[in-house]
PDB file of N, CA and C in Angstrom:
ATOM      1  N   MET A   1       0.793  -1.172   0.000  1.00  0.00           N
ATOM      2  CA  MET A   1       0.000   0.000   0.000  1.00  0.00           C
ATOM      3  C   MET A   1       0.858   1.269   0.000  1.00  0.00           C
ATOM      4  N   LYS A   2       1.921   1.240   0.755  1.00  0.00           N
ATOM      5  CA  LYS A   2       2.809   2.377   0.818  1.00  0.00           C
ATOM      6  C   LYS A   2       3.433   2.636  -0.551  1.00  0.00           C
ATOM      7  N   LYS A   3       3.738   1.569  -1.249  1.00  0.00           N
ATOM      8  CA  LYS A   3       4.354   1.708  -2.561  1.00  0.00           C
ATOM      9  C   LYS A   3       3.368   2.324  -3.544  1.00  0.00           C
ATOM     10  N   ILE A   4       2.116   1.960  -3.431  1.00  0.00           N
ATOM     11  CA  ILE A   4       1.090   2.498  -4.329  1.00  0.00           C
ATOM     12  C   ILE A   4       0.905   3.987  -4.050  1.00  0.00           C
ATOM     13  N   LYS A   5       0.873   4.374  -2.775  1.00  0.00           N
ATOM     14  CA  LYS A   5       0.732   5.781  -2.432  1.00  0.00           C
ATOM     15  C   LYS A   5       1.951   6.568  -2.914  1.00  0.00           C
ATOM     16  N   LYS A   6       3.113   5.957  -2.776  1.00  0.00           N
ATOM     17  CA  LYS A   6       4.339   6.615  -3.198  1.00  0.00           C
ATOM     18  C   LYS A   6       4.337   6.778  -4.713  1.00  0.00           C
ATOM     19  N   ASP A   7       3.941   5.758  -5.455  1.00  0.00           N
ATOM     20  CA  ASP A   7       3.869   5.834  -6.916  1.00  0.00           C
ATOM     21  C   ASP A   7       2.823   6.865  -7.340  1.00  0.00           C
ATOM     22  N   SER A   8       1.720   6.893  -6.651  1.00  0.00           N
ATOM     23  CA  SER A   8       0.648   7.822  -6.984  1.00  0.00           C
ATOM     24  C   SER A   8       1.098   9.266  -6.735  1.00  0.00           C
ATOM     25  N   ARG A   9       1.831   9.498  -5.637  1.00  0.00           N
ATOM     26  CA  ARG A   9       2.341  10.846  -5.360  1.00  0.00           C
ATOM     27  C   ARG A   9       3.383  11.253  -6.407  1.00  0.00           C
ATOM     28  N   GLU A  10       4.231  10.357  -6.806  1.00  0.00           N
ATOM     29  CA  GLU A  10       5.228  10.650  -7.832  1.00  0.00           C
ATOM     30  C   GLU A  10       4.548  10.940  -9.167  1.00  0.00           C
ATOM     31  N   ASN A  11       3.514  10.150  -9.480  1.00  0.00           N
ATOM     32  CA  ASN A  11       2.785  10.390 -10.727  1.00  0.00           C
ATOM     33  C   ASN A  11       2.104  11.762 -10.711  1.00  0.00           C
ATOM     34  N   ILE A  12       1.492  12.113  -9.587  1.00  0.00           N
ATOM     35  CA  ILE A  12       0.846  13.425  -9.474  1.00  0.00           C
ATOM     36  C   ILE A  12       1.906  14.527  -9.569  1.00  0.00           C
ATOM     37  N   PHE A  13       3.030  14.378  -8.898  1.00  0.00           N
ATOM     38  CA  PHE A  13       4.100  15.372  -8.930  1.00  0.00           C
ATOM     39  C   PHE A  13       4.619  15.564 -10.357  1.00  0.00           C
ATOM     40  N   PHE A  14       4.898  14.472 -11.047  1.00  0.00           N
ATOM     41  CA  PHE A  14       5.401  14.569 -12.427  1.00  0.00           C
ATOM     42  C   PHE A  14       4.322  15.124 -13.357  1.00  0.00           C
ATOM     43  N   SER A  15       3.075  14.761 -13.115  1.00  0.00           N
ATOM     44  CA  SER A  15       1.977  15.296 -13.946  1.00  0.00           C
ATOM     45  C   SER A  15       1.865  16.803 -13.763  1.00  0.00           C
ATOM     46  N   VAL A  16       1.945  17.265 -12.529  1.00  0.00           N
ATOM     47  CA  VAL A  16       1.873  18.700 -12.257  1.00  0.00           C
ATOM     48  C   VAL A  16       3.096  19.397 -12.842  1.00  0.00           C
ATOM     49  N   LEU A  17       4.252  18.776 -12.703  1.00  0.00           N
ATOM     50  CA  LEU A  17       5.481  19.355 -13.249  1.00  0.00           C
ATOM     51  C   LEU A  17       5.401  19.462 -14.771  1.00  0.00           C
ATOM     52  N   ILE A  18       4.945  18.434 -15.414  1.00  0.00           N
ATOM     53  CA  ILE A  18       4.814  18.449 -16.873  1.00  0.00           C
ATOM     54  C   ILE A  18       3.778  19.477 -17.291  1.00  0.00           C
ATOM     55  N   LEU A  19       2.654  19.550 -16.591  1.00  0.00           N
ATOM     56  CA  LEU A  19       1.618  20.523 -16.884  1.00  0.00           C
ATOM     57  C   LEU A  19       2.146  21.947 -16.696  1.00  0.00           C
ATOM     58  N   LEU A  20       2.908  22.176 -15.641  1.00  0.00           N
ATOM     59  CA  LEU A  20       3.509  23.479 -15.390  1.00  0.00           C
ATOM     60  C   LEU A  20       4.488  23.847 -16.503  1.00  0.00           C
ATOM     61  N   LEU A  21       5.323  22.923 -16.905  1.00  0.00           N
ATOM     62  CA  LEU A  21       6.255  23.170 -18.021  1.00  0.00           C
ATOM     63  C   LEU A  21       5.501  23.464 -19.308  1.00  0.00           C
ATOM     64  N   PHE A  22       4.432  22.741 -19.530  1.00  0.00           N
ATOM     65  CA  PHE A  22       3.609  22.963 -20.728  1.00  0.00           C
ATOM     66  C   PHE A  22       3.058  24.384 -20.736  1.00  0.00           C
ATOM     67  N   PHE A  23       2.511  24.836 -19.604  1.00  0.00           N
ATOM     68  CA  PHE A  23       1.965  26.185 -19.531  1.00  0.00           C
ATOM     69  C   PHE A  23       3.047  27.249 -19.669  1.00  0.00           C
ATOM     70  N   LEU A  24       4.206  26.991 -19.087  1.00  0.00           N
ATOM     71  CA  LEU A  24       5.320  27.942 -19.223  1.00  0.00           C
ATOM     72  C   LEU A  24       5.767  28.069 -20.674  1.00  0.00           C
ATOM     73  N   VAL A  25       5.936  26.953 -21.348  1.00  0.00           N
ATOM     74  CA  VAL A  25       6.357  26.971 -22.756  1.00  0.00           C
ATOM     75  C   VAL A  25       5.282  27.628 -23.606  1.00  0.00           C
ATOM     76  N   THR A  26       4.015  27.270 -23.363  1.00  0.00           N
ATOM     77  CA  THR A  26       2.917  27.870 -24.130  1.00  0.00           C
ATOM     78  C   THR A  26       2.853  29.379 -23.882  1.00  0.00           C
ATOM     79  N   GLY A  27       2.996  29.805 -22.645  1.00  0.00           N
ATOM     80  CA  GLY A  27       2.997  31.238 -22.320  1.00  0.00           C
ATOM     81  C   GLY A  27       4.152  31.957 -22.991  1.00  0.00           C
ATOM     82  N   PHE A  28       5.316  31.361 -22.963  1.00  0.00           N
ATOM     83  CA  PHE A  28       6.472  31.959 -23.617  1.00  0.00           C
ATOM     84  C   PHE A  28       6.240  32.104 -25.114  1.00  0.00           C
ATOM     85  N   LEU A  29       5.685  31.083 -25.741  1.00  0.00           N
ATOM     86  CA  LEU A  29       5.421  31.142 -27.187  1.00  0.00           C
ATOM     87  C   LEU A  29       4.371  32.204 -27.525  1.00  0.00           C
ATOM     88  N   ILE A  30       3.339  32.315 -26.698  1.00  0.00           N
ATOM     89  CA  ILE A  30       2.319  33.343 -26.930  1.00  0.00           C
ATOM     90  C   ILE A  30       2.930  34.731 -26.772  1.00  0.00           C
ATOM     91  N   TYR A  31       3.717  34.932 -25.727  1.00  0.00           N
ATOM     92  CA  TYR A  31       4.387  36.213 -25.505  1.00  0.00           C
ATOM     93  C   TYR A  31       5.298  36.557 -26.690  1.00  0.00           C
ATOM     94  N   SER A  32       6.067  35.593 -27.152  1.00  0.00           N
ATOM     95  CA  SER A  32       6.964  35.822 -28.293  1.00  0.00           C
ATOM     96  C   SER A  32       6.172  36.172 -29.542  1.00  0.00           C
ATOM     97  N   ASN A  33       5.052  35.502 -29.759  1.00  0.00           N
ATOM     98  CA  ASN A  33       4.217  35.760 -30.928  1.00  0.00           C
ATOM     99  C   ASN A  33       3.659  37.187 -30.898  1.00  0.00           C
ATOM    100  N   VAL A  34       3.229  37.635 -29.720  1.00  0.00           N
ATOM    101  CA  VAL A  34       2.712  39.001 -29.584  1.00  0.00           C
ATOM    102  C   VAL A  34       3.816  40.011 -29.878  1.00  0.00           C
ATOM    103  N   LYS A  35       4.992  39.798 -29.333  1.00  0.00           N
ATOM    104  CA  LYS A  35       6.122  40.710 -29.574  1.00  0.00           C
ATOM    105  C   LYS A  35       6.488  40.749 -31.061  1.00  0.00           C
ATOM    106  N   ILE A  36       6.505  39.603 -31.698  1.00  0.00           N
ATOM    107  CA  ILE A  36       6.826  39.545 -33.133  1.00  0.00           C
ATOM    108  C   ILE A  36       5.763  40.284 -33.931  1.00  0.00           C
ATOM    109  N   SER A  37       4.514  40.129 -33.561  1.00  0.00           N
ATOM    110  CA  SER A  37       3.424  40.815 -34.249  1.00  0.00           C
ATOM    111  C   SER A  37       3.549  42.329 -34.110  1.00  0.00           C
ATOM    112  N   GLN A  38       3.889  42.798 -32.910  1.00  0.00           N
ATOM    113  CA  GLN A  38       4.087  44.232 -32.703  1.00  0.00           C
ATOM    114  C   GLN A  38       5.248  44.751 -33.536  1.00  0.00           C
ATOM    115  N   LYS A  39       6.335  44.013 -33.568  1.00  0.00           N
ATOM    116  CA  LYS A  39       7.511  44.418 -34.352  1.00  0.00           C
ATOM    117  C   LYS A  39       7.178  44.452 -35.839  1.00  0.00           C
ATOM    118  N   ARG A  40       6.400  43.465 -36.292  1.00  0.00           N
ATOM    119  CA  ARG A  40       6.008  43.409 -37.695  1.00  0.00           C
ATOM    120  C   ARG A  40       5.176  44.638 -38.056  1.00  0.00           C
ATOM    121  N   THR A  41       4.224  44.994 -37.197  1.00  0.00           N
ATOM    122  CA  THR A  41       3.397  46.175 -37.446  1.00  0.00           C
ATOM    123  C   THR A  41       4.257  47.438 -37.504  1.00  0.00           C
ATOM    124  N   GLU A  42       5.201  47.543 -36.599  1.00  0.00           N
ATOM    125  CA  GLU A  42       6.100  48.689 -36.574  1.00  0.00           C
ATOM    126  C   GLU A  42       6.928  48.762 -37.856  1.00  0.00           C
ATOM    127  N   LEU A  43       7.437  47.634 -38.286  1.00  0.00           N
ATOM    128  CA  LEU A  43       8.259  47.610 -39.504  1.00  0.00           C
ATOM    129  C   LEU A  43       7.425  47.908 -40.749  1.00  0.00           C
ATOM    130  N   LEU A  44       6.194  47.432 -40.798  1.00  0.00           N
ATOM    131  CA  LEU A  44       5.329  47.736 -41.936  1.00  0.00           C
ATOM    132  C   LEU A  44       5.026  49.234 -42.012  1.00  0.00           C
ATOM    133  N   THR A  45       4.842  49.849 -40.855  1.00  0.00           N
ATOM    134  CA  THR A  45       4.627  51.299 -40.822  1.00  0.00           C
ATOM    135  C   THR A  45       5.860  52.032 -41.330  1.00  0.00           C
ATOM    136  N   LYS A  46       7.034  51.586 -40.904  1.00  0.00           N
ATOM    137  CA  LYS A  46       8.281  52.203 -41.377  1.00  0.00           C
ATOM    138  C   LYS A  46       8.427  52.041 -42.883  1.00  0.00           C
ATOM    139  N   ILE A  47       8.062  50.870 -43.398  1.00  0.00           N
ATOM    140  CA  ILE A  47       8.163  50.617 -44.835  1.00  0.00           C
ATOM    141  C   ILE A  47       7.270  51.584 -45.601  1.00  0.00           C
ATOM    142  N   GLU A  48       6.043  51.783 -45.128  1.00  0.00           N
ATOM    143  CA  GLU A  48       5.126  52.706 -45.793  1.00  0.00           C
ATOM    144  C   GLU A  48       5.670  54.132 -45.765  1.00  0.00           C
ATOM    145  N   ASN A  49       6.207  54.551 -44.625  1.00  0.00           N
ATOM    146  CA  ASN A  49       6.789  55.895 -44.527  1.00  0.00           C
ATOM    147  C   ASN A  49       7.979  56.050 -45.472  1.00  0.00           C
ATOM    148  N   LEU A  50       8.804  55.023 -45.557  1.00  0.00           N
ATOM    149  CA  LEU A  50       9.967  55.091 -46.451  1.00  0.00           C
ATOM    150  C   LEU A  50       9.544  55.102 -47.913  1.00  0.00           C
ATOM    151  N   LYS A  51       8.476  54.379 -48.249  1.00  0.00           N
ATOM    152  CA  LYS A  51       7.973  54.407 -49.629  1.00  0.00           C
ATOM    153  C   LYS A  51       7.490  55.804 -49.989  1.00  0.00           C
ATOM    154  N   LYS A  52       6.789  56.452 -49.058  1.00  0.00           N
ATOM    155  CA  LYS A  52       6.334  57.827 -49.312  1.00  0.00           C
ATOM    156  C   LYS A  52       7.518  58.762 -49.466  1.00  0.00           C
ATOM    157  N   GLU A  53       8.526  58.584 -48.634  1.00  0.00           N
ATOM    158  CA  GLU A  53       9.721  59.425 -48.714  1.00  0.00           C
ATOM    159  C   GLU A  53      10.447  59.200 -50.041  1.00  0.00           C
ATOM    160  N   ILE A  54      10.482  57.954 -50.494  1.00  0.00           N
ATOM    161  CA  ILE A  54      11.120  57.647 -51.779  1.00  0.00           C
ATOM    162  C   ILE A  54      10.383  58.356 -52.906  1.00  0.00           C
ATOM    163  N   GLN A  55       9.055  58.353 -52.860  1.00  0.00           N
ATOM    164  CA  GLN A  55       8.284  59.027 -53.899  1.00  0.00           C
ATOM    165  C   GLN A  55       8.580  60.526 -53.911  1.00  0.00           C
ATOM    166  N   VAL A  56       8.645  61.125 -52.731  1.00  0.00           N
ATOM    167  CA  VAL A  56       8.941  62.555 -52.649  1.00  0.00           C
ATOM    168  C   VAL A  56      10.331  62.833 -53.203  1.00  0.00           C
ATOM    169  N   LEU A  57      11.292  62.005 -52.827  1.00  0.00           N
ATOM    170  CA  LEU A  57      12.671  62.211 -53.292  1.00  0.00           C
ATOM    171  C   LEU A  57      12.803  61.979 -54.795  1.00  0.00           C
ATOM    172  N   GLU A  58      12.056  61.012 -55.327  1.00  0.00           N
ATOM    173  CA  GLU A  58      12.101  60.780 -56.774  1.00  0.00           C
ATOM    174  C   GLU A  58      11.509  61.972 -57.528  1.00  0.00           C
ATOM    175  N   LYS A  59      10.445  62.551 -56.986  1.00  0.00           N
ATOM    176  CA  LYS A  59       9.844  63.729 -57.617  1.00  0.00           C
ATOM    177  C   LYS A  59      10.828  64.898 -57.587  1.00  0.00           C
ATOM    178  N   LYS A  60      11.468  65.096 -56.438  1.00  0.00           N
ATOM    179  CA  LYS A  60      12.451  66.176 -56.319  1.00  0.00           C
ATOM    180  C   LYS A  60      13.633  65.928 -57.259  1.00  0.00           C
ATOM    181  N   ASN A  61      14.053  64.674 -57.370  1.00  0.00           N
ATOM    182  CA  ASN A  61      15.150  64.310 -58.270  1.00  0.00           C
ATOM    183  C   ASN A  61      14.773  64.651 -59.714  1.00  0.00           C
ATOM    184  N   GLU A  62      13.544  64.345 -60.098  1.00  0.00           N
ATOM    185  CA  GLU A  62      13.097  64.636 -61.463  1.00  0.00           C
ATOM    186  C   GLU A  62      13.072  66.142 -61.706  1.00  0.00           C
ATOM    187  N   GLU A  63      12.620  66.904 -60.701  1.00  0.00           N
ATOM    188  CA  GLU A  63      12.617  68.360 -60.834  1.00  0.00           C
ATOM    189  C   GLU A  63      14.041  68.888 -60.992  1.00  0.00           C
ATOM    190  N   LEU A  64      14.964  68.334 -60.237  1.00  0.00           N
ATOM    191  CA  LEU A  64      16.360  68.770 -60.336  1.00  0.00           C
ATOM    192  C   LEU A  64      16.951  68.415 -61.695  1.00  0.00           C
ATOM    193  N   ARG A  65      16.612  67.232 -62.191  1.00  0.00           N
ATOM    194  CA  ARG A  65      17.107  66.849 -63.525  1.00  0.00           C
ATOM    195  C   ARG A  65      16.562  67.794 -64.598  1.00  0.00           C
ATOM    196  N   THR A  66      15.284  68.149 -64.469  1.00  0.00           N
ATOM    197  CA  THR A  66      14.679  69.083 -65.411  1.00  0.00           C
ATOM    198  C   THR A  66      15.384  70.431 -65.321  1.00  0.00           C
ATOM    199  N   GLY A  67      15.683  70.873 -64.106  1.00  0.00           N
ATOM    200  CA  GLY A  67      16.396  72.132 -63.922  1.00  0.00           C
ATOM    201  C   GLY A  67      17.786  72.094 -64.532  1.00  0.00           C
ATOM    202  N   ILE A  68      18.456  70.961 -64.389  1.00  0.00           N
ATOM    203  CA  ILE A  68      19.793  70.815 -64.982  1.00  0.00           C
ATOM    204  C   ILE A  68      19.702  70.885 -66.507  1.00  0.00           C
ATOM    205  N   GLU A  69      18.726  70.193 -67.069  1.00  0.00           N
ATOM    206  CA  GLU A  69      18.553  70.232 -68.531  1.00  0.00           C
ATOM    207  C   GLU A  69      18.256  71.646 -68.994  1.00  0.00           C
ATOM    208  N   LYS A  70      17.457  72.380 -68.212  1.00  0.00           N
ATOM    209  CA  LYS A  70      17.108  73.757 -68.565  1.00  0.00           C
ATOM    210  C   LYS A  70      18.358  74.639 -68.546  1.00  0.00           C
ATOM    211  N   THR A  71      19.200  74.475 -67.525  1.00  0.00           N
ATOM    212  CA  THR A  71      20.387  75.325 -67.423  1.00  0.00           C
ATOM    213  C   THR A  71      21.431  74.981 -68.482  1.00  0.00           C
ATOM    214  N   GLU A  72      21.349  73.798 -69.046  1.00  0.00           N
ATOM    215  CA  GLU A  72      22.306  73.419 -70.079  1.00  0.00           C
ATOM    216  C   GLU A  72      21.918  73.960 -71.451  1.00  0.00           C
ATOM    217  N   SER A  73      20.706  74.474 -71.603  1.00  0.00           N
ATOM    218  CA  SER A  73      20.282  74.993 -72.904  1.00  0.00           C
ATOM    219  C   SER A  73      20.967  76.334 -73.176  1.00  0.00           C
ATOM    220  N   GLU A  74      21.179  76.628 -74.453  1.00  0.00           N
ATOM    221  CA  GLU A  74      21.877  77.855 -74.837  1.00  0.00           C
ATOM    222  C   GLU A  74      21.039  79.092 -74.526  1.00  0.00           C
ATOM    223  N   ASP A  75      19.727  78.986 -74.703  1.00  0.00           N
ATOM    224  CA  ASP A  75      18.867  80.141 -74.428  1.00  0.00           C
ATOM    225  C   ASP A  75      18.986  80.579 -72.970  1.00  0.00           C
ATOM    226  N   TYR A  76      18.978  79.628 -72.091  1.00  0.00           N
ATOM    227  CA  TYR A  76      19.072  79.949 -70.661  1.00  0.00           C
ATOM    228  C   TYR A  76      20.433  80.562 -70.350  1.00  0.00           C
ATOM    229  N   GLN A  77      21.480  79.989 -70.904  1.00  0.00           N
ATOM    230  CA  GLN A  77      22.820  80.515 -70.647  1.00  0.00           C
ATOM    231  C   GLN A  77      22.964  81.931 -71.196  1.00  0.00           C
ATOM    232  N   GLU A  78      22.404  82.184 -72.381  1.00  0.00           N
ATOM    233  CA  GLU A  78      22.457  83.530 -72.940  1.00  0.00           C
ATOM    234  C   GLU A  78      21.691  84.509 -72.063  1.00  0.00           C
ATOM    235  N   LYS A  79      20.554  84.087 -71.560  1.00  0.00           N
ATOM    236  CA  LYS A  79      19.750  84.951 -70.695  1.00  0.00           C
ATOM    237  C   LYS A  79      20.525  85.314 -69.436  1.00  0.00           C
ATOM    238  N   ILE A  80      21.139  84.321 -68.799  1.00  0.00           N
ATOM    239  CA  ILE A  80      21.907  84.581 -67.573  1.00  0.00           C
ATOM    240  C   ILE A  80      23.099  85.494 -67.864  1.00  0.00           C
ATOM    241  N   LEU A  81      23.796  85.238 -68.953  1.00  0.00           N
ATOM    242  CA  LEU A  81      24.952  86.068 -69.293  1.00  0.00           C
ATOM    243  C   LEU A  81      24.528  87.502 -69.596  1.00  0.00           C
ATOM    244  N   SER A  82      23.398  87.663 -70.277  1.00  0.00           N
ATOM    245  CA  SER A  82      22.943  89.028 -70.571  1.00  0.00           C
ATOM    246  C   SER A  82      22.525  89.746 -69.294  1.00  0.00           C
ATOM    247  N   GLU A  83      21.951  89.024 -68.341  1.00  0.00           N
ATOM    248  CA  GLU A  83      21.589  89.633 -67.058  1.00  0.00           C
ATOM    249  C   GLU A  83      22.828  90.074 -66.296  1.00  0.00           C
ATOM    250  N   GLN A  84      23.934  89.388 -66.505  1.00  0.00           N
ATOM    251  CA  GLN A  84      25.176  89.735 -65.825  1.00  0.00           C
ATOM    252  C   GLN A  84      25.960  90.816 -66.566  1.00  0.00           C
ATOM    253  N   GLY A  85      25.448  91.262 -67.712  1.00  0.00           N
ATOM    254  CA  GLY A  85      26.084  92.359 -68.432  1.00  0.00           C
ATOM    255  C   GLY A  85      26.940  91.939 -69.610  1.00  0.00           C
ATOM    256  N   TYR A  86      27.019  90.667 -69.920  1.00  0.00           N
ATOM    257  CA  TYR A  86      27.789  90.210 -71.066  1.00  0.00           C
ATOM    258  C   TYR A  86      26.943  90.330 -72.328  1.00  0.00           C
ATOM    259  N   ILE A  87      27.630  90.549 -73.447  1.00  0.00           N
ATOM    260  CA  ILE A  87      26.908  90.617 -74.719  1.00  0.00           C
ATOM    261  C   ILE A  87      27.532  89.627 -75.690  1.00  0.00           C
ATOM    262  N   ARG A  88      26.743  89.257 -76.709  1.00  0.00           N
ATOM    263  CA  ARG A  88      27.252  88.337 -77.723  1.00  0.00           C
ATOM    264  C   ARG A  88      28.268  89.028 -78.622  1.00  0.00           C
ATOM    265  N   LYS A  89      29.077  88.238 -79.228  1.00  0.00           N
ATOM    266  CA  LYS A  89      30.057  88.773 -80.153  1.00  0.00           C
ATOM    267  C   LYS A  89      29.311  89.387 -81.338  1.00  0.00           C
ATOM    268  N   GLY A  90      29.642  90.613 -81.662  1.00  0.00           N
ATOM    269  CA  GLY A  90      29.022  91.284 -82.788  1.00  0.00           C
ATOM    270  C   GLY A  90      27.743  92.028 -82.420  1.00  0.00           C
ATOM    271  N   ALA A  91      27.243  91.869 -81.238  1.00  0.00           N
ATOM    272  CA  ALA A  91      26.029  92.561 -80.814  1.00  0.00           C
ATOM    273  C   ALA A  91      26.404  93.862 -80.130  1.00  0.00           C
ATOM    274  N   GLN A  92      25.475  94.815 -80.172  1.00  0.00           N
ATOM    275  CA  GLN A  92      25.720  96.094 -79.527  1.00  0.00           C
ATOM    276  C   GLN A  92      24.918  96.158 -78.238  1.00  0.00           C
ATOM    277  N   GLN A  93      25.542  96.729 -77.264  1.00  0.00           N
ATOM    278  CA  GLN A  93      24.874  96.856 -75.982  1.00  0.00           C
ATOM    279  C   GLN A  93      24.301  98.263 -75.867  1.00  0.00           C
ATOM    280  N   VAL A  94      23.060  98.332 -75.434  1.00  0.00           N
ATOM    281  CA  VAL A  94      22.397  99.619 -75.251  1.00  0.00           C
ATOM    282  C   VAL A  94      22.193  99.816 -73.753  1.00  0.00           C
ATOM    283  N   VAL A  95      22.630 100.970 -73.299  1.00  0.00           N
ATOM    284  CA  VAL A  95      22.485 101.290 -71.877  1.00  0.00           C
ATOM    285  C   VAL A  95      21.589 102.511 -71.771  1.00  0.00           C
ATOM    286  N   VAL A  96      20.526 102.410 -71.012  1.00  0.00           N
ATOM    287  CA  VAL A  96      19.615 103.535 -70.800  1.00  0.00           C
ATOM    288  C   VAL A  96      20.024 104.206 -69.507  1.00  0.00           C
ATOM    289  N   LEU A  97      20.385 105.466 -69.617  1.00  0.00           N
ATOM    290  CA  LEU A  97      20.833 106.222 -68.462  1.00  0.00           C
ATOM    291  C   LEU A  97      19.658 106.999 -67.878  1.00  0.00           C
ATOM    292  N   PRO A  98      19.664 107.203 -66.578  1.00  0.00           N
ATOM    293  CA  PRO A  98      18.600 108.011 -65.986  1.00  0.00           C
ATOM    294  C   PRO A  98      18.783 109.472 -66.373  1.00  0.00           C
ATOM    295  N   PRO A  99      17.698 110.210 -66.418  1.00  0.00           N
ATOM    296  CA  PRO A  99      17.840 111.626 -66.811  1.00  0.00           C
ATOM    297  C   PRO A  99      18.630 112.401 -65.768  1.00  0.00           C
ATOM    298  N   LYS A 100      19.317 113.403 -66.239  1.00  0.00           N
ATOM    299  CA  LYS A 100      20.104 114.240 -65.341  1.00  0.00           C
ATOM    300  C   LYS A 100      19.164 115.136 -64.547  1.00  0.00           C
ATOM    301  N   GLU A 101      19.685 115.733 -63.494  1.00  0.00           N
ATOM    302  CA  GLU A 101      18.865 116.559 -62.609  1.00  0.00           C
ATOM    303  C   GLU A 101      18.226 117.720 -63.372  1.00  0.00           C
ATOM    304  N   GLY A 102      18.977 118.372 -64.216  1.00  0.00           N
ATOM    305  CA  GLY A 102      18.458 119.511 -64.968  1.00  0.00           C
ATOM    306  C   GLY A 102      17.368 119.094 -65.940  1.00  0.00           C
ATOM    307  N   GLU A 103      17.483 117.914 -66.533  1.00  0.00           N
ATOM    308  CA  GLU A 103      16.485 117.433 -67.483  1.00  0.00           C
ATOM    309  C   GLU A 103      15.174 117.122 -66.778  1.00  0.00           C
ATOM    310  N   LYS A 104      15.232 116.662 -65.557  1.00  0.00           N
ATOM    311  CA  LYS A 104      14.010 116.369 -64.801  1.00  0.00           C
ATOM    312  C   LYS A 104      13.211 117.655 -64.600  1.00  0.00           C
ATOM    313  N   GLU A 105      13.926 118.744 -64.281  1.00  0.00           N
ATOM    314  CA  GLU A 105      13.250 120.014 -64.059  1.00  0.00           C
ATOM    315  C   GLU A 105      12.625 120.527 -65.339  1.00  0.00           C
ATOM    316  N   LYS A 106      13.303 120.346 -66.476  1.00  0.00           N
ATOM    317  CA  LYS A 106      12.763 120.784 -67.750  1.00  0.00           C
ATOM    318  C   LYS A 106      11.489 120.028 -68.071  1.00  0.00           C
ATOM    319  N   THR A 107      11.505 118.727 -67.849  1.00  0.00           N
ATOM    320  CA  THR A 107      10.332 117.908 -68.114  1.00  0.00           C
ATOM    321  C   THR A 107       9.167 118.372 -67.246  1.00  0.00           C
ATOM    322  N   SER A 108       9.421 118.669 -65.992  1.00  0.00           N
ATOM    323  CA  SER A 108       8.378 119.147 -65.090  1.00  0.00           C
ATOM    324  C   SER A 108       7.862 120.494 -65.552  1.00  0.00           C
ATOM    325  N   GLU A 109       8.793 121.381 -65.986  1.00  0.00           N
ATOM    326  CA  GLU A 109       8.385 122.702 -66.466  1.00  0.00           C
ATOM    327  C   GLU A 109       7.556 122.568 -67.736  1.00  0.00           C
ATOM    328  N   GLN A 110       7.936 121.644 -68.631  1.00  0.00           N
ATOM    329  CA  GLN A 110       7.187 121.465 -69.861  1.00  0.00           C
ATOM    330  C   GLN A 110       5.784 120.972 -69.550  1.00  0.00           C
ATOM    331  N   LYS A 111       5.655 120.040 -68.654  1.00  0.00           N
ATOM    332  CA  LYS A 111       4.340 119.534 -68.293  1.00  0.00           C
ATOM    333  C   LYS A 111       3.502 120.654 -67.703  1.00  0.00           C
ATOM    334  N   ASN A 112       4.131 121.432 -66.873  1.00  0.00           N
ATOM    335  CA  ASN A 112       3.396 122.525 -66.266  1.00  0.00           C
ATOM    336  C   ASN A 112       2.956 123.532 -67.324  1.00  0.00           C
ATOM    337  N   LEU A 113       3.813 123.806 -68.288  1.00  0.00           N
ATOM    338  CA  LEU A 113       3.490 124.722 -69.365  1.00  0.00           C
ATOM    339  C   LEU A 113       2.329 124.192 -70.179  1.00  0.00           C
ATOM    340  N   TRP A 114       2.351 122.913 -70.505  1.00  0.00           N
ATOM    341  CA  TRP A 114       1.265 122.303 -71.272  1.00  0.00           C
ATOM    342  C   TRP A 114      -0.017 122.278 -70.450  1.00  0.00           C
ATOM    343  N   GLN A 115       0.119 121.976 -69.213  1.00  0.00           N
ATOM    344  CA  GLN A 115      -1.069 121.968 -68.359  1.00  0.00           C
ATOM    345  C   GLN A 115      -1.681 123.365 -68.285  1.00  0.00           C
ATOM    346  N   ARG A 116      -0.825 124.374 -68.173  1.00  0.00           N
ATOM    347  CA  ARG A 116      -1.322 125.747 -68.126  1.00  0.00           C
ATOM    348  C   ARG A 116      -2.024 126.109 -69.421  1.00  0.00           C
ATOM    349  N   LEU A 117      -1.425 125.712 -70.515  1.00  0.00           N
ATOM    350  CA  LEU A 117      -1.994 126.016 -71.825  1.00  0.00           C
ATOM    351  C   LEU A 117      -3.354 125.350 -71.978  1.00  0.00           C
ATOM    352  N   LEU A 118      -3.465 124.055 -71.563  1.00  0.00           N
ATOM    353  CA  LEU A 118      -4.736 123.353 -71.659  1.00  0.00           C
ATOM    354  C   LEU A 118      -5.769 123.970 -70.738  1.00  0.00           C
ATOM    355  N   GLU A 119      -5.350 124.483 -69.592  1.00  0.00           N
ATOM    356  CA  GLU A 119      -6.286 125.153 -68.675  1.00  0.00           C
ATOM    357  C   GLU A 119      -6.820 126.449 -69.294  1.00  0.00           C
ATOM    358  N   LYS A 120      -5.957 127.157 -69.974  1.00  0.00           N
ATOM    359  CA  LYS A 120      -6.370 128.396 -70.614  1.00  0.00           C
ATOM    360  C   LYS A 120      -7.349 128.135 -71.732  1.00  0.00           C
ATOM    361  N   ILE A 121      -7.122 127.027 -72.463  1.00  0.00           N
ATOM    362  CA  ILE A 121      -8.020 126.684 -73.566  1.00  0.00           C
ATOM    363  C   ILE A 121      -9.358 126.191 -73.001  1.00  0.00           C
ATOM    364  N   GLY A 122      -9.327 125.599 -71.850  1.00  0.00           N
ATOM    365  CA  GLY A 122     -10.537 125.122 -71.201  1.00  0.00           C
ATOM    366  C   GLY A 122     -10.700 123.620 -71.292  1.00  0.00           C
ATOM    367  N   LEU A 123      -9.685 122.918 -71.563  1.00  0.00           N
ATOM    368  CA  LEU A 123      -9.770 121.450 -71.626  1.00  0.00           C
ATOM    369  C   LEU A 123      -9.313 120.848 -70.383  1.00  0.00           C
TER     370      LEU A 123
END
């Protein structure tokens, strides 16, 4: 009888031990699965953000390439050079000077004279 009780206690102890190990392993696997799922969601979000960033950068790259092509054209280069004061070979440069101080007064006097004349006529 003692042997049967001893065997029964050992069987219960090993059964509880095995059951406890089973729950520990199952809990660990569930915990790991949840962590992996969270990491996967985080990485998918990063992938989407990086795809959007790639699209923005590709658009900017295309704009820059277009700008480079534009600056390589002769018309653009001539425009920039003319803005800087350079002229083409064989072309004449025309410079418009501001009126001198005395000329400004003459223009004002002429306008005043014409205005006076029109006032006298009645227009």
